[in-house]
């Protein structure tokens, strides 16, 4: 499964933030997640995580990623999330 344009986030350099993606708790297999700059921007992603957990007796899945603004001029940027499954 591929996804594009998930959310809209603003981040200033050199800050980072953790973001959760929840496809209504459903499991979409292994997913990679990237920050997709809107306009000018440079972002690094790390700590991509897939977590399975029980909620009300049902198995749920959440995907997580950490995004850091890495522009060296101190200016931040806006980004959405894009990604897809491993084939």
Protein backbone atom coordinates (compact mmCIF):
# COMPACT_ATOMS: atom_id res chain seq x y z
CA UNK A 1 0.00 0.00 0.00
CA UNK A 2 1.36 3.44 -0.90
CA UNK A 3 0.35 6.74 0.67
CA UNK A 4 1.07 10.36 -0.19
CA UNK A 5 0.22 13.75 1.32
CA UNK A 6 -0.52 12.44 4.82
CA UNK A 7 -0.82 15.35 7.24
CA UNK A 8 0.81 18.76 6.93
CA UNK A 9 3.54 19.63 9.38
CA UNK A 10 5.81 22.61 10.05
CA UNK A 11 9.22 22.21 11.64
CA UNK A 12 12.07 24.64 12.29
CA UNK A 13 15.76 23.71 12.16
CA UNK A 14 17.27 21.83 13.95
CA UNK A 15 14.14 20.57 15.73
CA UNK A 16 12.57 17.14 15.39
CA UNK A 17 9.19 15.60 16.09
CA UNK A 18 7.65 12.15 16.37
CA UNK A 19 4.61 11.41 14.22
CA UNK A 20 2.15 8.51 14.44
CA UNK A 21 0.29 7.13 11.44
CA UNK A 22 -2.75 5.02 12.19
CA UNK A 23 -4.66 3.43 9.32
CA UNK A 24 -7.70 2.90 11.58
CA UNK A 25 -5.58 0.33 13.46
CA UNK A 26 -5.27 -2.00 10.46
CA UNK A 27 -2.03 -3.76 9.55
CA UNK A 28 -0.57 -2.71 6.19
CA UNK A 29 2.57 -4.83 6.49
CA UNK A 30 6.02 -3.26 6.47
CA UNK A 31 5.90 0.43 5.54
CA UNK A 32 8.64 2.98 4.95
CA UNK A 33 7.85 6.61 5.70
CA UNK A 34 9.51 9.75 4.28
CA UNK A 35 9.05 13.47 4.86
CA UNK A 36 8.05 15.08 1.56
CA UNK A 37 8.92 18.83 1.57
CA UNK A 38 6.25 21.27 0.44
CA UNK A 39 8.37 23.88 -1.32
CA UNK A 40 11.88 24.40 0.04
CA UNK A 41 12.94 22.08 2.84
CA UNK A 42 15.32 19.37 4.00
CA UNK A 43 14.22 16.68 6.43
CA UNK A 44 15.76 13.53 7.86
CA UNK A 45 13.68 10.58 9.06
CA UNK A 46 14.70 7.92 11.54
CA UNK A 47 13.30 5.61 14.18
CA UNK A 48 10.65 4.14 11.90
CA UNK A 49 8.59 1.78 14.01
CA UNK A 50 5.67 -0.56 13.57
CA UNK A 51 3.89 -1.50 16.79
CA UNK A 52 1.22 -4.13 17.31
CA UNK A 53 -0.91 -3.82 20.43
CA UNK A 54 -4.17 -5.08 21.88
CA UNK A 55 -7.10 -2.73 22.28
CA UNK A 56 -10.38 -4.12 23.56
CA UNK A 57 -9.19 -7.62 22.75
CA UNK A 58 -8.45 -6.70 19.11
CA UNK A 59 -5.00 -6.52 17.53
CA UNK A 60 -4.21 -2.98 16.31
CA UNK A 61 -1.20 -1.51 14.47
CA UNK A 62 0.37 1.94 14.57
CA UNK A 63 3.31 3.22 12.53
CA UNK A 64 5.72 5.84 13.92
CA UNK A 65 8.52 7.97 12.51
CA UNK A 66 10.79 10.73 13.82
CA UNK A 67 11.40 13.70 11.47
CA UNK A 68 14.15 16.31 11.86
CA UNK A 69 14.56 19.56 9.92
CA UNK A 70 18.19 19.56 8.72
CA UNK A 71 18.44 22.86 6.86
CA UNK A 72 21.75 24.53 7.68
CA UNK A 73 20.44 28.10 7.34
CA UNK A 74 18.24 27.85 10.45
CA UNK A 75 15.04 28.19 8.44
CA UNK A 76 12.39 25.53 8.78
CA UNK A 77 9.92 24.12 6.32
CA UNK A 78 6.62 22.41 5.74
CA UNK A 79 6.24 18.74 4.84
CA UNK A 80 3.73 15.95 4.41
CA UNK A 81 4.37 12.23 4.78
CA UNK A 82 4.78 9.83 1.90
CA UNK A 83 5.63 6.16 1.83
CA UNK A 84 4.71 2.66 0.95
CA UNK A 85 5.21 -1.00 1.55
CA UNK A 86 8.21 -3.15 0.98
CA UNK A 87 7.77 -5.47 -1.98
